[in-house]
Amino acid sequence: MGSGNVMGSAREARTGGTQHGSTPLGSTPLGPTPLGPTPKGPARLATALGIAGLIPFAAGAALALLADDAAAARAALLAYGAVILSFLGAVHWGLALASGPADTRRAMHRFAISVLPSLLGWVALLLPQVPGFALATAAFALLLAAETLGPLRAGLPGWYLRLRIGLTLGALVALAIGAPIGGGGPA
């Protein structure tokens, strides 16, 4: 990355571009890749850990379909989704903490928004499973929209946004597969 910073430069996040003649986003010397160029250093580790983080989503969805106690598997899947929502909100808390004095207004906005994923995940756990899954799914989709299209995009590097899109789609598919159909009793 041009800035040497894990979170990248604001310019890269705004434009989706690269700096210093590096490979254009969305391609490698061998051609395009699903998530764009192969990230370097900490970004590569973040990518690997993020992809590994889909394993509990996939396992939860599979168990919700195949296990004798599907309600328990669904509860575990929904709980993991709530934990990941909290994690995603923490990204924005961290960015707000790292903001300089010139970005006080943006930092305050980020602080306020950063707690919403945790709160929505918690409420999703308190609801019966059908509305709980619906709320968690909506929270993932809305946070992704805010990061890719809305006010939270500033300061996020292109590699992170591409990774978030892929990981969120994986989470949404798992939640859809594992979601109860019908009444779905208490979580």
Protein backbone atom coordinates (compact mmCIF):
# COMPACT_ATOMS: atom_id res chain seq x y z
CA MET A 1 0.00 0.00 0.00
CA GLY A 2 1.26 3.41 -0.82
CA SER A 3 1.02 4.90 2.67
CA GLY A 4 2.57 2.01 4.60
CA ASN A 5 -0.34 2.25 7.03
CA VAL A 6 -2.53 -0.81 7.65
CA MET A 7 -5.67 1.26 7.21
CA GLY A 8 -4.25 2.91 4.07
CA SER A 9 -4.52 6.49 2.98
CA ALA A 10 -7.66 8.52 2.70
CA ARG A 11 -6.86 9.05 -0.97
CA GLU A 12 -6.75 5.31 -1.65
CA ALA A 13 -10.06 4.84 0.16
CA ARG A 14 -11.75 7.68 -1.71
CA THR A 15 -10.47 6.83 -5.15
CA GLY A 16 -9.92 3.10 -4.86
CA GLY A 17 -6.57 3.76 -6.52
CA THR A 18 -3.03 2.90 -5.73
CA GLN A 19 0.06 4.99 -5.33
CA HIS A 20 3.65 4.87 -6.55
CA GLY A 21 2.99 2.83 -9.70
CA SER A 22 1.74 -0.29 -7.97
CA THR A 23 -0.58 -2.78 -9.62
CA PRO A 24 -4.05 -1.30 -10.25
CA LEU A 25 -6.80 -2.39 -7.89
CA GLY A 26 -8.70 -5.44 -9.00
CA SER A 27 -5.78 -7.01 -10.83
CA THR A 28 -2.43 -8.71 -10.36
CA PRO A 29 0.35 -9.24 -12.88
CA LEU A 30 -1.54 -12.46 -13.72
CA GLY A 31 -4.93 -10.78 -14.13
CA PRO A 32 -7.95 -9.88 -12.00
CA THR A 33 -8.60 -11.52 -8.64
CA PRO A 34 -11.93 -11.94 -6.85
CA LEU A 35 -11.00 -9.55 -4.03
CA GLY A 36 -8.65 -7.32 -6.02
CA PRO A 37 -4.89 -7.32 -5.71
CA THR A 38 -3.19 -9.57 -3.22
CA PRO A 39 -2.71 -7.42 -0.10
CA LYS A 40 0.71 -7.13 1.47
CA GLY A 41 1.83 -7.63 5.08
CA PRO A 42 -0.84 -6.91 7.68
CA ALA A 43 -3.54 -6.66 5.01
CA ARG A 44 -2.70 -10.19 3.85
CA LEU A 45 -3.00 -11.45 7.42
CA ALA A 46 -6.30 -9.59 7.86
CA THR A 47 -7.56 -11.26 4.68
CA ALA A 48 -6.56 -14.74 5.86
CA LEU A 49 -8.10 -14.22 9.29
CA GLY A 50 -11.26 -12.76 7.77
CA ILE A 51 -11.68 -15.75 5.48
CA ALA A 52 -11.04 -18.10 8.42
CA GLY A 53 -13.73 -16.17 10.27
CA LEU A 54 -16.26 -17.52 7.77
CA ILE A 55 -15.70 -21.07 9.07
CA PRO A 56 -18.03 -20.66 12.09
CA PHE A 57 -20.66 -19.14 9.79
CA ALA A 58 -20.43 -22.11 7.40
CA ALA A 59 -20.38 -24.63 10.25
CA GLY A 60 -23.35 -22.98 11.95
CA ALA A 61 -25.37 -22.96 8.74
CA ALA A 62 -24.53 -26.62 8.05
CA LEU A 63 -25.42 -27.66 11.58
CA ALA A 64 -28.68 -25.71 11.44
CA LEU A 65 -29.61 -27.81 8.41
CA LEU A 66 -28.24 -31.17 9.51
CA ALA A 67 -28.09 -31.34 13.32
CA ASP A 68 -30.69 -33.06 15.45
CA ASP A 69 -30.88 -29.93 17.60
CA ALA A 70 -31.27 -27.31 14.88
CA ALA A 71 -32.46 -24.65 17.36
CA ALA A 72 -29.19 -24.87 19.30
CA ALA A 73 -27.19 -24.70 16.08
CA ARG A 74 -29.19 -21.64 15.00
CA ALA A 75 -28.64 -20.00 18.37
CA ALA A 76 -24.87 -20.56 18.02
CA LEU A 77 -24.91 -19.17 14.48
CA LEU A 78 -26.85 -16.09 15.55
CA ALA A 79 -24.55 -15.58 18.55
CA TYR A 80 -21.48 -15.70 16.30
CA GLY A 81 -23.15 -13.18 13.99
CA ALA A 82 -23.71 -10.85 16.96
CA VAL A 83 -20.06 -11.17 17.98
CA ILE A 84 -18.91 -10.34 14.44
CA LEU A 85 -21.25 -7.34 14.31
CA SER A 86 -19.56 -6.05 17.48
CA PHE A 87 -16.16 -6.63 15.91
CA LEU A 88 -17.15 -4.66 12.80
CA GLY A 89 -18.39 -1.76 14.90
CA ALA A 90 -15.06 -1.76 16.73
CA VAL A 91 -13.28 -1.04 13.44
CA HIS A 92 -14.99 2.33 13.37
CA TRP A 93 -14.38 2.96 17.07
CA GLY A 94 -10.67 2.43 16.36
CA LEU A 95 -10.73 4.78 13.38
CA ALA A 96 -12.44 7.41 15.52
CA LEU A 97 -9.75 7.03 18.18
CA ALA A 98 -7.04 7.47 15.53
CA SER A 99 -8.64 10.61 14.08
CA GLY A 100 -6.72 13.83 14.26
CA PRO A 101 -8.02 17.11 15.69
CA ALA A 102 -9.09 18.23 12.21
CA ASP A 103 -11.50 15.28 12.01
CA THR A 104 -13.37 15.82 15.29
CA ARG A 105 -16.80 15.91 13.66
CA ARG A 106 -16.14 12.72 11.64
CA ALA A 107 -14.73 11.03 14.76
CA MET A 108 -17.85 11.87 16.76
CA HIS A 109 -20.01 10.50 13.93
CA ARG A 110 -17.91 7.30 13.84
CA PHE A 111 -18.08 6.85 17.62
CA ALA A 112 -21.87 7.14 17.51
CA ILE A 113 -22.27 4.72 14.62
CA SER A 114 -19.66 2.25 15.91
CA VAL A 115 -21.86 1.11 18.81
CA LEU A 116 -24.92 0.35 16.67
CA PRO A 117 -23.74 -3.04 15.35
CA SER A 118 -23.16 -4.30 18.91
CA LEU A 119 -26.55 -3.08 20.06
CA LEU A 120 -28.34 -4.58 17.05
CA GLY A 121 -26.54 -7.90 17.54
CA TRP A 122 -27.51 -7.95 21.20
CA VAL A 123 -31.16 -7.22 20.42
CA ALA A 124 -31.08 -9.94 17.75
CA LEU A 125 -30.05 -12.42 20.45
CA LEU A 126 -32.93 -11.37 22.69
CA LEU A 127 -35.59 -11.81 20.01
CA PRO A 128 -37.16 -15.06 18.88
CA GLN A 129 -35.00 -16.62 16.18
CA VAL A 130 -36.98 -15.54 13.10
CA PRO A 131 -36.88 -11.80 13.86
CA GLY A 132 -33.42 -12.19 15.42
CA PHE A 133 -31.99 -13.59 12.19
CA ALA A 134 -33.80 -10.89 10.21
CA LEU A 135 -32.33 -8.14 12.40
CA ALA A 136 -28.79 -9.56 12.25
CA THR A 137 -29.03 -9.90 8.48
CA ALA A 138 -30.25 -6.32 8.13
CA ALA A 139 -27.47 -5.06 10.43
CA PHE A 140 -24.78 -6.75 8.31
CA ALA A 141 -26.28 -5.36 5.10
CA LEU A 142 -26.73 -1.82 6.46
CA LEU A 143 -23.21 -1.66 7.88
CA LEU A 144 -21.77 -2.84 4.57
CA ALA A 145 -23.80 -0.20 2.73
CA ALA A 146 -22.58 2.51 5.12
CA GLU A 147 -18.98 1.38 4.58
CA THR A 148 -19.09 1.03 0.81
CA LEU A 149 -21.55 3.74 -0.20
CA GLY A 150 -22.06 5.95 2.81
CA PRO A 151 -20.46 8.02 5.51
CA LEU A 152 -18.18 5.30 6.91
CA ARG A 153 -16.26 4.82 3.65
CA ALA A 154 -13.78 7.63 4.31
CA GLY A 155 -10.48 6.34 5.63
CA LEU A 156 -11.09 2.70 4.66
CA PRO A 157 -8.61 1.28 2.15
CA GLY A 158 -9.85 -0.41 -1.00
CA TRP A 159 -8.54 -3.83 0.04
CA TYR A 160 -10.59 -3.66 3.26
CA LEU A 161 -13.76 -2.70 1.42
CA ARG A 162 -13.33 -5.56 -1.09
CA LEU A 163 -12.66 -7.97 1.75
CA ARG A 164 -15.72 -6.73 3.68
CA ILE A 165 -17.94 -7.24 0.66
CA GLY A 166 -16.83 -10.85 0.26
CA LEU A 167 -16.97 -11.65 3.96
CA THR A 168 -20.34 -9.99 4.44
CA LEU A 169 -21.79 -11.89 1.50
CA GLY A 170 -20.50 -15.10 3.10
CA ALA A 171 -22.07 -14.18 6.44
CA LEU A 172 -25.37 -13.25 4.79
CA VAL A 173 -25.52 -16.54 2.89
CA ALA A 174 -24.80 -18.49 6.08
CA LEU A 175 -27.46 -16.57 8.01
CA ALA A 176 -29.97 -17.17 5.21
CA ILE A 177 -29.20 -20.90 5.11
CA GLY A 178 -29.31 -21.27 8.88
CA ALA A 179 -32.31 -19.07 9.55
CA PRO A 180 -35.39 -20.78 10.91
CA ILE A 181 -38.43 -20.98 8.73
CA GLY A 182 -41.72 -20.25 10.42
CA GLY A 183 -42.15 -19.33 14.07
CA GLY A 184 -38.64 -20.13 15.28
CA GLY A 185 -39.19 -20.08 19.05
CA PRO A 186 -36.88 -18.31 21.50
CA ALA A 187 -33.18 -18.10 20.82
